N, C-alpha and C. Protein backbone atom coordinates (compact mmCIF):
# COMPACT_ATOMS: atom_id res chain seq x y z
N MET A 1 0.56 -1.06 -0.01
CA MET A 1 0.09 0.02 0.04
C MET A 1 0.61 1.09 -0.10
N ALA A 2 0.06 2.24 -0.66
CA ALA A 2 1.38 3.77 -0.68
C ALA A 2 0.23 4.34 -0.05
N PHE A 3 0.67 5.49 -0.04
CA PHE A 3 -0.09 6.88 0.25
C PHE A 3 -1.51 7.23 -0.16
N LEU A 4 -1.33 7.21 -1.63
CA LEU A 4 -2.12 7.33 -2.42
C LEU A 4 -2.79 6.16 -3.71
N GLU A 5 -3.38 5.72 -3.81
CA GLU A 5 -3.77 4.36 -4.43
C GLU A 5 -4.78 5.08 -5.64
N ILE A 6 -5.15 4.24 -6.78
CA ILE A 6 -6.21 4.47 -7.78
C ILE A 6 -7.42 3.88 -6.78
N GLU A 7 -7.51 3.12 -6.30
CA GLU A 7 -9.32 3.32 -5.18
C GLU A 7 -9.60 4.77 -4.65
N ASP A 8 -8.25 5.20 -4.08
CA ASP A 8 -8.39 6.73 -3.11
C ASP A 8 -8.97 8.08 -4.34
N MET A 9 -8.76 7.28 -5.74
CA MET A 9 -9.16 8.73 -6.64
C MET A 9 -10.38 8.77 -6.91
N GLY A 10 -11.03 7.79 -6.25
CA GLY A 10 -12.65 8.25 -6.86
C GLY A 10 -13.18 9.61 -6.20
N SER A 11 -12.81 10.17 -5.48
CA SER A 11 -13.17 11.20 -4.79
C SER A 11 -12.95 12.01 -5.53
N ALA A 12 -11.77 12.19 -6.81
CA ALA A 12 -11.24 13.35 -7.57
C ALA A 12 -11.94 13.15 -8.89
N ILE A 13 -12.01 12.01 -9.28
CA ILE A 13 -12.21 11.93 -10.75
C ILE A 13 -13.17 10.71 -10.57
N TYR A 14 -14.22 10.27 -11.48
CA TYR A 14 -15.06 9.17 -11.61
C TYR A 14 -13.94 8.13 -12.38
N ASP A 15 -14.84 6.66 -12.53
CA ASP A 15 -14.07 5.76 -13.03
C ASP A 15 -14.12 6.03 -14.67
N TYR A 16 -15.24 5.91 -15.12
CA TYR A 16 -15.69 5.98 -16.27
C TYR A 16 -14.57 6.79 -16.79
N GLN A 17 -14.49 8.09 -16.68
CA GLN A 17 -12.95 9.07 -16.86
C GLN A 17 -12.10 8.47 -16.81
N ILE A 18 -11.54 7.43 -16.21
CA ILE A 18 -10.48 7.31 -16.11
C ILE A 18 -10.42 6.34 -17.37
N GLU A 19 -11.27 5.15 -17.22
CA GLU A 19 -11.21 4.55 -18.43
C GLU A 19 -11.48 4.96 -19.85
N GLN A 20 -11.55 6.38 -19.77
CA GLN A 20 -11.71 7.10 -21.27
C GLN A 20 -10.74 7.52 -21.63
N ILE A 21 -9.95 7.89 -20.32
CA ILE A 21 -8.61 8.46 -20.51
C ILE A 21 -7.17 8.14 -20.57
N ALA A 22 -7.64 6.89 -19.90
CA ALA A 22 -6.33 5.89 -20.36
C ALA A 22 -6.54 5.00 -21.19
N ASP A 23 -7.58 4.94 -22.12
CA ASP A 23 -7.79 4.07 -22.84
C ASP A 23 -6.93 2.80 -23.10
N GLY A 24 -7.27 2.19 -22.26
CA GLY A 24 -6.30 0.78 -22.28
C GLY A 24 -4.80 1.02 -21.03
N ASN A 25 -4.41 2.00 -21.00
CA ASN A 25 -3.12 1.75 -20.48
C ASN A 25 -3.11 2.15 -19.20
N ASP A 26 -2.94 0.95 -18.39
CA ASP A 26 -3.50 0.59 -16.92
C ASP A 26 -1.96 1.37 -16.46
N GLU A 27 -1.20 1.84 -16.54
CA GLU A 27 0.07 2.46 -16.73
C GLU A 27 -0.08 4.18 -16.30
N ALA A 28 -1.30 4.73 -16.72
CA ALA A 28 -1.61 5.97 -16.99
C ALA A 28 -2.18 6.70 -15.72
N MET A 29 -2.87 6.19 -14.61
CA MET A 29 -2.86 6.72 -13.26
C MET A 29 -2.16 6.18 -12.94
N PRO A 30 -1.45 5.09 -12.21
CA PRO A 30 -0.40 5.35 -11.30
C PRO A 30 0.73 5.77 -11.46
N ASP A 31 1.12 6.48 -13.16
CA ASP A 31 1.98 6.96 -13.28
C ASP A 31 1.51 8.51 -12.69
N ALA A 32 0.66 9.18 -12.78
CA ALA A 32 -0.42 10.14 -12.59
C ALA A 32 0.44 10.36 -11.07
N ILE A 33 -0.20 9.59 -10.61
CA ILE A 33 -0.32 9.49 -8.67
C ILE A 33 1.22 9.67 -8.44
N ASN A 34 1.76 8.89 -8.90
CA ASN A 34 3.32 8.71 -8.55
C ASN A 34 3.55 10.14 -9.12
N ALA A 35 3.58 10.78 -10.02
CA ALA A 35 4.45 12.05 -10.32
C ALA A 35 3.91 13.16 -9.03
N ALA A 36 2.33 13.09 -9.08
CA ALA A 36 1.78 13.78 -7.60
C ALA A 36 2.56 13.55 -6.32
N ILE A 37 2.73 12.75 -5.91
CA ILE A 37 3.40 12.31 -4.23
C ILE A 37 4.55 12.85 -4.61
N GLU A 38 4.86 12.78 -5.83
CA GLU A 38 6.78 13.38 -6.11
C GLU A 38 6.49 15.19 -5.94
N GLU A 39 5.81 15.65 -6.87
CA GLU A 39 5.28 16.81 -6.84
C GLU A 39 5.28 17.30 -5.50
N VAL A 40 4.33 16.92 -4.50
CA VAL A 40 3.83 17.00 -3.10
C VAL A 40 4.99 17.33 -2.24
N LYS A 41 6.05 16.10 -2.45
CA LYS A 41 7.21 15.76 -1.78
C LYS A 41 8.25 17.08 -2.10
N ALA A 42 8.20 17.52 -3.23
CA ALA A 42 9.26 18.39 -3.13
C ALA A 42 8.70 20.15 -2.61
N TYR A 43 7.46 19.98 -2.56
CA TYR A 43 7.05 21.32 -1.86
C TYR A 43 7.29 21.37 0.09
N LEU A 44 7.24 19.83 0.30
CA LEU A 44 7.82 19.96 1.79
C LEU A 44 8.90 19.46 2.24
N THR A 45 9.89 19.00 1.32
CA THR A 45 11.13 18.56 1.65
C THR A 45 12.27 20.24 1.75
N GLN A 46 12.39 20.19 2.95
CA GLN A 46 13.68 21.32 2.57
C GLN A 46 14.76 21.30 2.32
N ASN A 47 15.51 21.97 1.71
CA ASN A 47 16.34 22.25 0.74
C ASN A 47 18.04 22.72 1.56
N ASP A 48 18.57 22.97 1.30
CA ASP A 48 20.07 23.27 1.50
C ASP A 48 20.31 24.67 1.99
N ARG A 49 19.21 25.21 1.40
CA ARG A 49 19.66 26.85 1.14
C ARG A 49 19.66 27.74 3.02
N LYS A 50 20.16 28.11 3.26
CA LYS A 50 20.36 28.14 4.74
C LYS A 50 19.22 29.70 5.46
N GLU A 51 18.65 30.32 4.56
CA GLU A 51 17.68 30.99 4.71
C GLU A 51 16.39 30.17 5.09
N TYR A 52 16.69 28.77 5.24
CA TYR A 52 15.35 28.18 5.31
C TYR A 52 15.56 27.90 6.91
N ASN A 53 16.54 27.85 7.20
CA ASN A 53 16.82 27.55 9.37
C ASN A 53 16.21 28.56 9.94
N ASP A 54 14.84 29.36 9.39
CA ASP A 54 14.24 30.76 10.06
C ASP A 54 13.50 30.20 11.14
N GLY A 55 13.12 29.55 11.07
CA GLY A 55 11.75 28.68 12.27
C GLY A 55 10.57 28.10 11.07
N ARG A 56 10.43 27.92 9.74
CA ARG A 56 9.95 27.23 9.31
C ARG A 56 10.08 25.64 9.46
N PRO A 57 8.59 25.18 9.58
CA PRO A 57 8.95 23.91 9.91
C PRO A 57 9.52 22.63 8.95
N HIS A 58 10.10 21.82 9.47
CA HIS A 58 10.60 20.81 8.40
C HIS A 58 9.90 19.58 8.46
N TYR A 59 9.25 19.40 7.67
CA TYR A 59 8.57 18.41 7.17
C TYR A 59 8.89 16.88 7.45
N ASP A 60 8.68 15.92 7.98
CA ASP A 60 9.63 14.39 7.76
C ASP A 60 8.70 13.84 6.63
N VAL A 61 8.87 13.85 5.71
CA VAL A 61 8.47 13.77 4.10
C VAL A 61 8.15 12.20 4.37
N GLU A 62 8.99 11.41 4.37
CA GLU A 62 9.05 9.75 4.04
C GLU A 62 8.04 9.42 5.19
N LYS A 63 7.85 9.71 6.36
CA LYS A 63 6.94 9.57 7.51
C LYS A 63 6.02 9.67 7.06
N ILE A 64 5.35 11.09 6.56
CA ILE A 64 3.93 11.52 6.44
C ILE A 64 3.49 10.54 5.06
N PHE A 65 4.71 10.28 4.36
CA PHE A 65 3.84 9.41 2.98
C PHE A 65 3.99 8.44 3.00
N SER A 66 3.97 7.44 4.13
CA SER A 66 4.33 6.80 4.86
C SER A 66 3.42 6.01 5.01
N LYS A 67 2.37 6.42 5.75
CA LYS A 67 1.12 6.40 6.51
C LYS A 67 -0.04 6.03 5.57
N ILE A 68 -0.49 5.18 5.53
CA ILE A 68 -1.67 4.58 5.05
C ILE A 68 -3.23 4.58 5.43
N GLY A 69 -4.05 4.41 4.66
CA GLY A 69 -5.83 4.16 5.45
C GLY A 69 -6.10 5.78 5.95
N THR A 70 -6.69 5.32 7.19
CA THR A 70 -7.25 6.35 7.72
C THR A 70 -5.68 7.49 8.61
N GLU A 71 -4.56 6.62 8.50
CA GLU A 71 -3.49 7.66 9.31
C GLU A 71 -2.95 8.64 8.61
N ARG A 72 -3.66 9.19 7.03
CA ARG A 72 -2.91 10.05 6.58
C ARG A 72 -3.85 11.28 6.30
N ASN A 73 -2.90 12.26 6.23
CA ASN A 73 -3.86 13.28 6.92
C ASN A 73 -4.62 14.13 5.54
N ALA A 74 -6.04 14.11 5.67
CA ALA A 74 -6.71 14.24 4.65
C ALA A 74 -6.96 15.25 4.23
N LEU A 75 -6.36 16.52 4.11
CA LEU A 75 -6.04 17.72 3.59
C LEU A 75 -5.01 17.60 2.46
N LEU A 76 -3.72 16.63 3.16
CA LEU A 76 -2.72 16.58 1.86
C LEU A 76 -3.30 15.56 1.25
N LEU A 77 -3.66 14.41 1.72
CA LEU A 77 -4.06 13.27 0.38
C LEU A 77 -5.42 13.85 -0.15
N GLN A 78 -6.07 15.38 0.42
CA GLN A 78 -7.09 15.55 -1.14
C GLN A 78 -6.34 16.32 -1.83
N LYS A 79 -5.10 17.49 -1.48
CA LYS A 79 -4.20 17.88 -2.61
C LYS A 79 -3.59 17.13 -3.27
N THR A 80 -3.27 16.05 -3.21
CA THR A 80 -2.06 15.08 -3.79
C THR A 80 -3.16 14.70 -4.86
N LYS A 81 -4.28 14.25 -4.24
CA LYS A 81 -5.30 13.38 -5.39
C LYS A 81 -5.80 14.92 -6.56
N THR A 82 -5.27 16.42 -6.11
CA THR A 82 -5.82 17.16 -7.15
C THR A 82 -5.34 17.28 -8.02
N ILE A 83 -3.36 17.02 -7.46
CA ILE A 83 -2.68 17.60 -8.23
C ILE A 83 -2.46 15.97 -9.28
N ALA A 84 -2.78 14.64 -8.80
CA ALA A 84 -2.61 13.63 -9.44
C ALA A 84 -4.12 13.39 -10.84
N LYS A 85 -4.98 14.16 -10.11
CA LYS A 85 -6.38 14.32 -11.57
C LYS A 85 -5.05 15.09 -12.31
N PHE A 86 -5.02 16.35 -12.05
CA PHE A 86 -4.83 17.05 -13.02
C PHE A 86 -3.27 16.65 -14.20
N HIS A 87 -2.44 15.87 -13.63
CA HIS A 87 -1.39 15.05 -14.25
C HIS A 87 -1.72 14.16 -14.86
N PHE A 88 -3.23 13.65 -14.98
CA PHE A 88 -3.61 12.40 -15.38
C PHE A 88 -4.80 12.98 -16.63
N ILE A 89 -5.38 14.05 -16.20
CA ILE A 89 -6.07 14.58 -17.50
C ILE A 89 -5.47 15.37 -18.48
N ASP A 90 -4.29 15.61 -17.81
CA ASP A 90 -3.34 16.32 -19.23
C ASP A 90 -3.03 15.09 -20.49
N LEU A 91 -3.83 14.16 -20.31
CA LEU A 91 -3.69 13.11 -21.67
C LEU A 91 -4.64 13.38 -22.25
N CYS A 92 -5.92 13.68 -21.60
CA CYS A 92 -6.84 13.66 -22.60
C CYS A 92 -8.03 14.85 -22.12
N ASN A 93 -8.95 15.42 -22.60
CA ASN A 93 -10.09 16.25 -22.38
C ASN A 93 -11.29 15.43 -22.09
N ALA A 94 -11.19 14.31 -22.41
CA ALA A 94 -12.73 13.53 -22.44
C ALA A 94 -13.84 13.49 -20.97
N ASP A 95 -14.72 14.58 -21.42
CA ASP A 95 -15.63 15.00 -20.18
C ASP A 95 -15.50 15.63 -18.99
N ILE A 96 -14.08 16.22 -19.00
CA ILE A 96 -13.80 16.69 -17.86
C ILE A 96 -13.59 18.22 -18.28
N LEU A 97 -14.02 19.18 -17.27
CA LEU A 97 -13.72 20.44 -17.72
C LEU A 97 -11.95 20.70 -17.24
N TYR A 98 -11.55 21.27 -18.22
CA TYR A 98 -9.89 21.15 -17.69
C TYR A 98 -9.88 22.24 -17.21
N GLU A 99 -10.59 23.90 -17.91
CA GLU A 99 -9.79 25.06 -17.02
C GLU A 99 -10.53 24.93 -15.49
N ARG A 100 -11.57 24.43 -14.86
CA ARG A 100 -11.90 23.88 -13.54
C ARG A 100 -10.60 22.84 -13.13
N ALA A 101 -10.27 22.18 -13.40
CA ALA A 101 -9.24 21.02 -13.27
C ALA A 101 -7.89 22.03 -12.88
N GLN A 102 -7.67 22.84 -14.06
CA GLN A 102 -6.13 23.93 -13.88
C GLN A 102 -6.67 24.70 -12.96
N LYS A 103 -7.70 25.18 -12.29
CA LYS A 103 -8.08 26.14 -11.24
C LYS A 103 -7.88 25.32 -9.84
N ASN A 104 -8.38 24.24 -9.90
CA ASN A 104 -8.08 23.40 -8.54
C ASN A 104 -6.55 22.87 -8.76
N TYR A 105 -6.09 22.62 -9.91
CA TYR A 105 -4.44 22.70 -9.45
C TYR A 105 -3.94 23.80 -9.22
N ASP A 106 -4.08 25.16 -9.65
CA ASP A 106 -3.37 25.94 -9.58
C ASP A 106 -3.40 26.20 -7.68
N ARG A 107 -4.50 25.86 -7.11
CA ARG A 107 -5.15 26.53 -5.85
C ARG A 107 -4.17 25.59 -5.11
N ALA A 108 -4.26 24.12 -5.51
CA ALA A 108 -3.27 23.19 -4.82
C ALA A 108 -1.76 23.87 -4.52
N ILE A 109 -1.68 24.33 -5.78
CA ILE A 109 0.20 24.45 -5.91
C ILE A 109 0.49 26.00 -4.71
N ALA A 110 -0.45 26.76 -5.03
CA ALA A 110 -0.08 28.11 -3.94
C ALA A 110 -0.50 27.58 -3.17
N PHE A 111 -1.13 26.49 -2.30
CA PHE A 111 -1.74 25.98 -1.09
C PHE A 111 -0.38 25.18 -0.18
N LEU A 112 0.42 24.50 -1.29
CA LEU A 112 1.70 24.03 -0.91
C LEU A 112 2.72 25.08 -0.82
N VAL A 113 2.92 26.13 -1.85
CA VAL A 113 3.75 26.76 -1.67
C VAL A 113 3.70 27.38 -0.25
N LYS A 114 2.38 28.00 -0.02
CA LYS A 114 2.26 28.66 1.73
C LYS A 114 2.65 27.69 2.62
N LEU A 115 2.26 26.16 2.36
CA LEU A 115 2.87 25.36 3.63
C LEU A 115 4.22 25.39 3.54
N SER A 116 4.88 25.10 2.60
CA SER A 116 6.52 25.05 2.25
C SER A 116 6.97 26.39 3.10
N LYS A 117 6.34 27.60 3.02
CA LYS A 117 6.75 28.88 3.27
C LYS A 117 7.41 28.75 4.85
N GLY A 118 5.87 28.28 5.51
CA GLY A 118 5.48 28.24 6.89
C GLY A 118 4.00 29.32 7.36
N ASP A 119 3.66 29.46 5.74
CA ASP A 119 2.65 30.89 6.05
C ASP A 119 1.16 30.24 6.53
N VAL A 120 1.46 28.53 6.19
CA VAL A 120 0.02 27.77 6.76
C VAL A 120 0.34 26.71 7.26
N THR A 121 -0.09 26.10 8.09
CA THR A 121 0.20 24.49 8.88
C THR A 121 -0.44 23.62 8.91
N ILE A 122 -0.26 22.55 8.87
CA ILE A 122 -1.64 21.36 9.13
C ILE A 122 -1.49 20.61 10.22
N SER A 123 -2.07 20.37 10.80
CA SER A 123 -2.15 20.25 12.16
C SER A 123 -1.41 18.82 11.56
N GLY A 124 -1.00 17.81 12.94
CA GLY A 124 -0.52 16.27 12.33
C GLY A 124 0.56 15.97 11.60
N LEU A 125 0.94 16.66 10.86
CA LEU A 125 1.97 16.12 9.56
C LEU A 125 3.25 16.13 10.26
N ASP A 126 4.13 15.22 10.39
CA ASP A 126 4.97 14.96 11.50
C ASP A 126 5.92 15.83 11.08
N LEU A 127 6.69 16.38 11.90
CA LEU A 127 8.04 17.32 11.85
C LEU A 127 9.07 16.50 12.06
N ILE A 128 10.46 16.96 11.61
CA ILE A 128 12.02 16.48 11.57
C ILE A 128 12.04 17.30 13.16
N ASP A 129 12.74 16.37 13.87
CA ASP A 129 13.14 16.69 15.02
C ASP A 129 14.55 17.71 15.12
N ASP A 130 14.34 18.76 15.17
CA ASP A 130 15.41 19.88 14.76
C ASP A 130 16.00 20.26 16.10
N THR A 131 15.88 19.20 17.04
CA THR A 131 16.15 20.04 17.98
C THR A 131 17.66 19.28 18.77
N GLU A 132 18.15 18.33 17.75
CA GLU A 132 18.94 17.22 18.05
C GLU A 132 20.53 18.69 18.18
N VAL A 133 21.28 18.24 19.10
CA VAL A 133 22.58 18.80 19.19
C VAL A 133 23.46 18.41 18.57
N PRO A 134 24.54 19.37 17.51
CA PRO A 134 25.06 18.67 16.76
C PRO A 134 26.42 17.96 17.43
N GLY A 135 26.68 17.17 16.87
CA GLY A 135 27.98 16.40 16.94
C GLY A 135 29.41 17.23 17.75
N GLU A 136 30.44 16.33 17.82
CA GLU A 136 31.33 17.60 18.20
C GLU A 136 31.76 17.87 17.01
N ASP A 137 32.10 17.38 16.03
CA ASP A 137 32.56 17.42 14.76
C ASP A 137 31.94 17.94 13.74
N GLU A 138 30.48 18.35 14.44
CA GLU A 138 29.80 19.67 13.19
C GLU A 138 29.66 20.56 13.71
N PRO A 139 29.98 21.67 12.76
CA PRO A 139 30.18 22.62 13.11
C PRO A 139 28.73 23.33 13.64
N LEU A 140 28.88 24.58 14.32
CA LEU A 140 27.32 25.18 14.70
C LEU A 140 26.60 26.06 13.87
N PRO A 141 25.50 26.17 13.37
CA PRO A 141 24.97 26.77 12.59
C PRO A 141 25.98 28.37 12.53
N TYR A 142 25.97 28.83 11.81
CA TYR A 142 26.60 30.40 12.03
C TYR A 142 26.02 31.05 11.13
N ARG A 143 25.52 32.69 11.43
CA ARG A 143 24.80 33.49 10.19
C ARG A 143 25.28 34.90 10.42
N SER A 144 25.62 35.78 9.49
CA SER A 144 26.33 36.93 9.53
C SER A 144 25.57 37.83 8.32
N GLY A 145 25.92 38.85 8.54
CA GLY A 145 25.12 40.00 7.73
C GLY A 145 24.31 40.85 8.08
N SER A 146 24.11 42.10 7.56
CA SER A 146 23.46 43.27 8.17
C SER A 146 21.87 42.96 7.61
N ARG A 147 21.00 44.25 8.11
CA ARG A 147 20.04 44.51 7.65
C ARG A 147 19.27 44.72 6.56
N LYS A 148 18.34 44.56 5.91
CA LYS A 148 18.35 45.41 4.99
C LYS A 148 18.06 46.86 4.74
N LYS A 149 18.23 47.67 3.97
CA LYS A 149 18.27 48.92 3.74
C LYS A 149 16.62 49.26 3.61
N PHE A 150 16.72 50.34 5.30
CA PHE A 150 15.13 51.27 5.21
C PHE A 150 14.98 52.09 3.89
N ASN A 151 13.92 51.87 3.84
CA ASN A 151 13.36 52.91 2.51
C ASN A 151 12.13 53.29 2.62
N HIS A 152 11.71 54.54 2.46
CA HIS A 152 10.70 55.42 2.69
C HIS A 152 9.35 55.21 1.73
N GLU A 153 9.67 54.66 0.91
CA GLU A 153 8.33 54.61 -0.18
C GLU A 153 7.72 53.72 0.28
């Protein structure tokens, strides 16, 4: 079992639409689901930019996406379904309002951007424990610089 399965897509797209779009290609929906999961993971994964050590939440992505069934976060699951649907319907426009799907996709991405920046939070998402003390061989984080220039505009 994975975080998102084909059976879960019933709340985002009808079965007959999946059959029409896939047109016998059994790998089309699993590919769209995998692409969606990787896209959502990319928004939740901390990169190595030092500016991101400013108190933003660091999500335990592997733990979040290893959950199944009712353990999954419902909001994140729905956003992932929306993105999977968009990746899937990109193959065809059979009986689907493409503009509506595009708007839903854009809203999901905007939400994930806010989530990654720490502007919004989802309760219950696993965080990486940042309280660990660096080892003796690891240097302590150090920042230097000056304030941004004040401007009266």
